[in-house]
N, C-alpha and C. Protein backbone atom coordinates (compact mmCIF):
# COMPACT_ATOMS: atom_id res chain seq x y z
N UNK A 1 259.42 -16.86 77.59
CA UNK A 1 259.94 -18.20 77.57
C UNK A 1 261.44 -18.23 77.23
N UNK A 2 262.11 -19.05 77.94
CA UNK A 2 263.57 -19.19 77.75
C UNK A 2 263.90 -19.92 76.43
N UNK A 3 264.89 -19.41 75.71
CA UNK A 3 265.24 -20.04 74.45
C UNK A 3 265.95 -21.37 74.75
N UNK A 4 265.66 -22.30 73.91
CA UNK A 4 266.33 -23.71 73.99
C UNK A 4 267.75 -23.52 73.69
N UNK A 5 268.58 -24.15 74.53
CA UNK A 5 270.04 -24.23 74.36
C UNK A 5 270.41 -25.34 73.36
N UNK A 6 271.48 -25.09 72.55
CA UNK A 6 271.88 -26.12 71.61
C UNK A 6 272.10 -27.51 72.28
N UNK A 7 271.65 -28.48 71.59
CA UNK A 7 271.73 -29.86 72.01
C UNK A 7 271.02 -30.18 73.38
N UNK A 8 270.10 -29.39 73.75
CA UNK A 8 269.31 -29.61 74.99
C UNK A 8 267.85 -29.75 74.57
N UNK A 9 267.25 -30.82 75.12
CA UNK A 9 265.75 -31.00 74.77
C UNK A 9 264.92 -29.86 75.23
N UNK A 10 263.78 -29.67 74.53
CA UNK A 10 262.79 -28.69 74.96
C UNK A 10 262.21 -29.09 76.27
N UNK A 11 261.91 -30.49 76.35
CA UNK A 11 261.41 -31.05 77.59
C UNK A 11 262.20 -32.36 77.83
N UNK A 12 262.76 -32.50 79.05
CA UNK A 12 263.35 -33.67 79.46
C UNK A 12 262.86 -34.12 80.87
N UNK A 13 262.07 -35.18 80.86
CA UNK A 13 261.53 -35.66 82.08
C UNK A 13 262.59 -36.08 83.05
N UNK A 14 262.28 -35.85 84.33
CA UNK A 14 263.37 -36.10 85.36
C UNK A 14 263.80 -37.53 85.49
N UNK A 15 263.05 -38.43 84.93
CA UNK A 15 263.45 -39.89 84.98
C UNK A 15 263.91 -40.38 83.67
N UNK A 16 264.05 -39.50 82.68
CA UNK A 16 264.64 -39.91 81.35
C UNK A 16 266.16 -39.91 81.50
N UNK A 17 266.83 -40.66 80.67
CA UNK A 17 268.31 -40.68 80.75
C UNK A 17 268.91 -40.53 79.33
N UNK A 18 269.90 -39.64 79.24
CA UNK A 18 270.68 -39.43 78.02
C UNK A 18 272.10 -39.76 78.31
N UNK A 19 272.68 -40.70 77.61
CA UNK A 19 274.03 -41.23 77.94
C UNK A 19 274.89 -41.20 76.62
N UNK A 20 276.07 -40.68 76.75
CA UNK A 20 277.07 -40.74 75.62
C UNK A 20 276.82 -39.70 74.58
N UNK A 21 277.12 -39.97 73.36
CA UNK A 21 277.07 -39.03 72.21
C UNK A 21 275.62 -39.05 71.67
N UNK A 22 274.89 -38.10 72.15
CA UNK A 22 273.45 -37.95 71.73
C UNK A 22 273.31 -36.51 71.27
N UNK A 23 272.90 -36.30 69.95
CA UNK A 23 272.79 -35.01 69.31
C UNK A 23 271.34 -34.75 69.14
N UNK A 24 270.79 -33.62 69.74
CA UNK A 24 269.40 -33.35 69.74
C UNK A 24 269.08 -32.09 68.88
N UNK A 25 268.03 -32.18 68.04
CA UNK A 25 267.59 -30.99 67.32
C UNK A 25 266.69 -30.15 68.29
N UNK A 26 266.14 -29.10 67.66
CA UNK A 26 265.29 -28.15 68.47
C UNK A 26 263.95 -28.72 68.71
N UNK A 27 263.32 -28.46 69.77
CA UNK A 27 261.94 -28.80 70.07
C UNK A 27 261.76 -30.28 70.35
N UNK A 28 262.78 -31.00 70.72
CA UNK A 28 262.70 -32.41 71.18
C UNK A 28 262.14 -32.60 72.50
N UNK A 29 261.26 -33.54 72.67
CA UNK A 29 260.66 -33.83 73.97
C UNK A 29 261.01 -35.31 74.31
N UNK A 30 261.53 -35.47 75.50
CA UNK A 30 261.94 -36.81 75.99
C UNK A 30 261.20 -37.09 77.28
N UNK A 31 260.28 -38.08 77.25
CA UNK A 31 259.32 -38.21 78.32
C UNK A 31 259.80 -39.26 79.34
N UNK A 32 259.09 -39.52 80.42
CA UNK A 32 259.46 -40.18 81.62
C UNK A 32 259.94 -41.65 81.26
N UNK A 33 261.05 -42.02 81.80
CA UNK A 33 261.56 -43.33 81.70
C UNK A 33 262.30 -43.65 80.35
N UNK A 34 262.29 -42.65 79.44
CA UNK A 34 262.99 -42.90 78.14
C UNK A 34 264.45 -42.93 78.41
N UNK A 35 265.13 -43.75 77.54
CA UNK A 35 266.63 -43.83 77.57
C UNK A 35 267.18 -43.75 76.18
N UNK A 36 268.07 -42.82 76.02
CA UNK A 36 268.88 -42.65 74.81
C UNK A 36 270.34 -42.95 75.16
N UNK A 37 270.81 -44.06 74.59
CA UNK A 37 272.19 -44.51 74.99
C UNK A 37 273.12 -44.58 73.78
N UNK A 38 273.87 -43.54 73.62
CA UNK A 38 274.87 -43.41 72.55
C UNK A 38 276.23 -43.77 73.06
N UNK A 39 276.41 -44.88 73.59
CA UNK A 39 277.67 -45.24 74.28
C UNK A 39 278.82 -45.79 73.33
N UNK A 40 278.42 -46.41 72.17
CA UNK A 40 279.38 -46.99 71.33
C UNK A 40 279.60 -46.05 70.07
N UNK A 41 278.55 -45.48 69.56
CA UNK A 41 278.59 -44.54 68.54
C UNK A 41 277.42 -43.55 68.85
N UNK A 42 277.09 -42.69 67.92
CA UNK A 42 276.17 -41.65 68.23
C UNK A 42 274.66 -41.87 67.95
N UNK A 43 273.88 -41.03 68.60
CA UNK A 43 272.40 -40.93 68.31
C UNK A 43 272.15 -39.53 67.82
N UNK A 44 271.36 -39.44 66.73
CA UNK A 44 271.00 -38.10 66.24
C UNK A 44 269.51 -38.06 66.21
N UNK A 45 268.91 -37.00 66.80
CA UNK A 45 267.51 -36.88 66.86
C UNK A 45 267.10 -35.50 66.22
N UNK A 46 266.28 -35.52 65.20
CA UNK A 46 265.93 -34.36 64.50
C UNK A 46 264.94 -33.42 65.30
N UNK A 47 264.72 -32.28 64.74
CA UNK A 47 263.79 -31.25 65.30
C UNK A 47 262.41 -31.77 65.60
N UNK A 48 261.81 -31.31 66.61
CA UNK A 48 260.40 -31.53 66.94
C UNK A 48 260.00 -32.99 67.02
N UNK A 49 260.97 -33.82 67.45
CA UNK A 49 260.67 -35.23 67.68
C UNK A 49 260.28 -35.46 69.11
N UNK A 50 259.33 -36.39 69.29
CA UNK A 50 258.70 -36.76 70.56
C UNK A 50 259.05 -38.18 70.92
N UNK A 51 259.83 -38.37 71.97
CA UNK A 51 260.23 -39.68 72.43
C UNK A 51 259.44 -39.97 73.72
N UNK A 52 258.46 -40.87 73.62
CA UNK A 52 257.48 -41.05 74.72
C UNK A 52 258.01 -41.97 75.76
N UNK A 53 257.20 -42.03 76.81
CA UNK A 53 257.53 -42.76 78.08
C UNK A 53 258.12 -44.12 77.75
N UNK A 54 259.24 -44.45 78.48
CA UNK A 54 259.88 -45.78 78.48
C UNK A 54 260.34 -46.31 77.09
N UNK A 55 260.46 -45.37 76.11
CA UNK A 55 261.14 -45.72 74.88
C UNK A 55 262.60 -45.89 75.08
N UNK A 56 263.23 -46.71 74.28
CA UNK A 56 264.64 -46.93 74.38
C UNK A 56 265.30 -46.73 73.00
N UNK A 57 266.28 -45.92 72.90
CA UNK A 57 266.98 -45.76 71.62
C UNK A 57 268.46 -46.00 71.93
N UNK A 58 269.03 -47.03 71.26
CA UNK A 58 270.45 -47.26 71.45
C UNK A 58 271.10 -47.67 70.16
N UNK A 59 272.43 -47.85 70.21
CA UNK A 59 273.19 -48.05 69.00
C UNK A 59 273.74 -49.43 68.89
N UNK A 60 274.30 -49.75 67.78
CA UNK A 60 274.90 -51.09 67.67
C UNK A 60 276.28 -50.98 66.94
N UNK A 61 277.31 -51.18 67.67
CA UNK A 61 278.71 -51.07 67.18
C UNK A 61 278.97 -49.98 66.14
N UNK A 62 278.85 -50.35 64.93
CA UNK A 62 279.08 -49.37 63.81
C UNK A 62 277.80 -48.74 63.30
N UNK A 63 276.71 -48.95 63.95
CA UNK A 63 275.36 -48.50 63.46
C UNK A 63 274.82 -47.43 64.44
N UNK A 64 274.88 -46.16 64.06
CA UNK A 64 274.26 -45.15 64.95
C UNK A 64 272.75 -45.25 64.86
N UNK A 65 272.02 -44.62 65.74
CA UNK A 65 270.59 -44.46 65.63
C UNK A 65 270.32 -43.09 65.12
N UNK A 66 269.70 -42.99 63.96
CA UNK A 66 269.44 -41.70 63.35
C UNK A 66 267.97 -41.55 63.26
N UNK A 67 267.41 -40.56 64.01
CA UNK A 67 265.99 -40.31 64.10
C UNK A 67 265.75 -38.95 63.35
N UNK A 68 264.78 -38.90 62.42
CA UNK A 68 264.49 -37.70 61.67
C UNK A 68 263.76 -36.63 62.50
N UNK A 69 263.30 -35.62 61.77
CA UNK A 69 262.48 -34.59 62.39
C UNK A 69 261.01 -34.94 62.34
N UNK A 70 260.26 -34.45 63.26
CA UNK A 70 258.77 -34.60 63.39
C UNK A 70 258.45 -36.09 63.52
N UNK A 71 259.25 -36.81 64.28
CA UNK A 71 259.00 -38.22 64.52
C UNK A 71 258.37 -38.37 65.92
N UNK A 72 257.45 -39.36 66.01
CA UNK A 72 256.93 -39.73 67.33
C UNK A 72 257.35 -41.25 67.52
N UNK A 73 258.03 -41.46 68.68
CA UNK A 73 258.37 -42.75 69.06
C UNK A 73 257.58 -43.10 70.27
N UNK A 74 256.63 -44.08 70.09
CA UNK A 74 255.63 -44.38 71.09
C UNK A 74 256.12 -44.92 72.33
N UNK A 75 255.29 -45.00 73.39
CA UNK A 75 255.60 -45.53 74.67
C UNK A 75 256.16 -46.95 74.51
N UNK A 76 257.31 -47.17 75.21
CA UNK A 76 257.90 -48.49 75.25
C UNK A 76 258.50 -49.08 74.00
N UNK A 77 258.56 -48.22 72.86
CA UNK A 77 259.16 -48.66 71.67
C UNK A 77 260.75 -48.81 71.85
N UNK A 78 261.32 -49.63 71.03
CA UNK A 78 262.82 -49.79 71.12
C UNK A 78 263.37 -49.59 69.66
N UNK A 79 264.31 -48.70 69.63
CA UNK A 79 265.02 -48.42 68.38
C UNK A 79 266.48 -48.81 68.55
N UNK A 80 267.03 -49.78 67.75
CA UNK A 80 268.33 -50.32 67.99
C UNK A 80 269.20 -50.11 66.77
N UNK A 81 269.99 -49.08 66.71
CA UNK A 81 270.93 -48.89 65.54
C UNK A 81 270.25 -48.83 64.26
N UNK A 82 269.13 -48.03 64.17
CA UNK A 82 268.38 -47.99 62.96
C UNK A 82 268.19 -46.53 62.46
N UNK A 83 267.74 -46.36 61.25
CA UNK A 83 267.53 -45.02 60.68
C UNK A 83 265.97 -44.84 60.45
N UNK A 84 265.48 -43.74 61.11
CA UNK A 84 264.13 -43.42 61.02
C UNK A 84 264.00 -42.11 60.27
N UNK A 85 263.34 -42.02 59.12
CA UNK A 85 263.22 -40.80 58.38
C UNK A 85 262.24 -39.80 59.00
N UNK A 86 262.08 -38.66 58.37
CA UNK A 86 261.19 -37.66 58.91
C UNK A 86 259.72 -38.02 58.86
N UNK A 87 258.94 -37.44 59.73
CA UNK A 87 257.48 -37.58 59.75
C UNK A 87 257.01 -39.04 59.84
N UNK A 88 257.70 -39.74 60.75
CA UNK A 88 257.35 -41.19 61.03
C UNK A 88 256.73 -41.32 62.39
N UNK A 89 255.81 -42.33 62.52
CA UNK A 89 255.24 -42.71 63.73
C UNK A 89 255.69 -44.08 64.04
N UNK A 90 256.35 -44.34 65.16
CA UNK A 90 256.71 -45.67 65.67
C UNK A 90 255.76 -45.93 66.78
N UNK A 91 254.82 -46.91 66.64
CA UNK A 91 253.80 -47.19 67.57
C UNK A 91 254.28 -47.75 68.86
N UNK A 92 253.42 -47.69 69.86
CA UNK A 92 253.79 -48.22 71.30
C UNK A 92 254.27 -49.62 71.18
N UNK A 93 255.37 -49.88 71.90
CA UNK A 93 255.90 -51.21 71.95
C UNK A 93 256.52 -51.73 70.74
N UNK A 94 256.62 -51.04 69.64
CA UNK A 94 257.27 -51.53 68.45
C UNK A 94 258.74 -51.63 68.67
N UNK A 95 259.40 -52.54 67.88
CA UNK A 95 260.86 -52.72 67.95
C UNK A 95 261.35 -52.61 66.50
N UNK A 96 262.41 -51.77 66.43
CA UNK A 96 263.14 -51.57 65.12
C UNK A 96 264.57 -52.02 65.37
N UNK A 97 264.97 -53.09 64.64
CA UNK A 97 266.22 -53.66 64.92
C UNK A 97 267.35 -53.07 64.05
N UNK A 98 268.55 -53.56 64.35
CA UNK A 98 269.80 -53.01 63.79
C UNK A 98 269.78 -52.98 62.29
N UNK A 99 270.22 -51.76 61.75
CA UNK A 99 270.35 -51.58 60.33
C UNK A 99 269.01 -51.39 59.56
N UNK A 100 267.92 -51.39 60.24
CA UNK A 100 266.63 -51.21 59.56
C UNK A 100 266.59 -49.72 59.14
N UNK A 101 265.79 -49.46 58.08
CA UNK A 101 265.56 -48.16 57.67
C UNK A 101 264.06 -47.91 57.41
N UNK A 102 263.58 -46.85 58.01
CA UNK A 102 262.13 -46.57 57.93
C UNK A 102 261.95 -45.35 57.04
N UNK A 103 261.27 -45.41 55.99
CA UNK A 103 261.08 -44.33 55.03
C UNK A 103 260.22 -43.23 55.54
N UNK A 104 260.31 -42.00 54.88
CA UNK A 104 259.57 -40.86 55.31
C UNK A 104 258.13 -41.11 55.30
N UNK A 105 257.37 -40.61 56.37
CA UNK A 105 255.96 -40.68 56.46
C UNK A 105 255.39 -42.07 56.84
N UNK A 106 256.16 -43.05 57.13
CA UNK A 106 255.69 -44.34 57.50
C UNK A 106 255.08 -44.39 58.87
N UNK A 107 254.13 -45.29 59.10
CA UNK A 107 253.61 -45.62 60.37
C UNK A 107 253.94 -47.05 60.68
N UNK A 108 254.66 -47.30 61.79
CA UNK A 108 254.96 -48.61 62.28
C UNK A 108 253.98 -48.91 63.36
N UNK A 109 253.15 -49.91 63.20
CA UNK A 109 252.09 -50.14 64.21
C UNK A 109 252.58 -50.57 65.56
N UNK A 110 251.71 -50.46 66.56
CA UNK A 110 252.03 -50.81 67.86
C UNK A 110 252.37 -52.27 67.95
N UNK A 111 253.46 -52.58 68.63
CA UNK A 111 253.81 -54.04 68.78
C UNK A 111 254.53 -54.59 67.63
N UNK A 112 254.70 -53.91 66.55
CA UNK A 112 255.37 -54.43 65.29
C UNK A 112 256.79 -54.66 65.56
N UNK A 113 257.41 -55.53 64.77
CA UNK A 113 258.87 -55.75 64.85
C UNK A 113 259.38 -55.56 63.37
N UNK A 114 260.35 -54.65 63.28
CA UNK A 114 260.98 -54.46 61.98
C UNK A 114 262.33 -55.13 62.07
N UNK A 115 262.51 -56.17 61.21
CA UNK A 115 263.72 -57.01 61.29
C UNK A 115 265.03 -56.29 60.95
N UNK A 116 266.07 -56.93 61.33
CA UNK A 116 267.46 -56.37 61.04
C UNK A 116 267.60 -56.11 59.59
N UNK A 117 268.11 -54.92 59.23
CA UNK A 117 268.45 -54.48 57.86
C UNK A 117 267.19 -54.41 56.92
N UNK A 118 266.02 -54.51 57.50
CA UNK A 118 264.85 -54.34 56.64
C UNK A 118 264.62 -52.98 56.29
N UNK A 119 264.18 -52.68 55.05
CA UNK A 119 263.98 -51.32 54.54
C UNK A 119 262.52 -51.20 54.30
N UNK A 120 261.82 -50.24 54.92
CA UNK A 120 260.41 -49.86 54.76
C UNK A 120 260.37 -48.67 53.90
N UNK A 121 259.91 -48.70 52.65
CA UNK A 121 259.95 -47.52 51.80
C UNK A 121 258.89 -46.51 52.26
N UNK A 122 259.14 -45.23 51.80
CA UNK A 122 258.10 -44.18 52.12
C UNK A 122 256.71 -44.52 51.73
């Protein structure tokens, strides 16, 4: 098996898009239709994170999107300039808005909305 190159996903679906300043850890999987858009500031994705089909991760002016390690971002979820700690599950269709912080080990249910600057403790 070929060794993963630095800042390259382990799996990148042919319909996924990575734009701008996006920093990827080892073992990251980015599935079909997912979009990571680091056009204004950066996106950081930790090791062994799984970004599922049609998820969108983007930034907000001075707020990068920081995704920890061992995170699953469910199908159709939206992360907008937020911080997601390690070992978190973001459910399908959930929305995490600008400046929100999700603590380690949290589960954000399918279809949930985390408001701007809301902090969810571990």
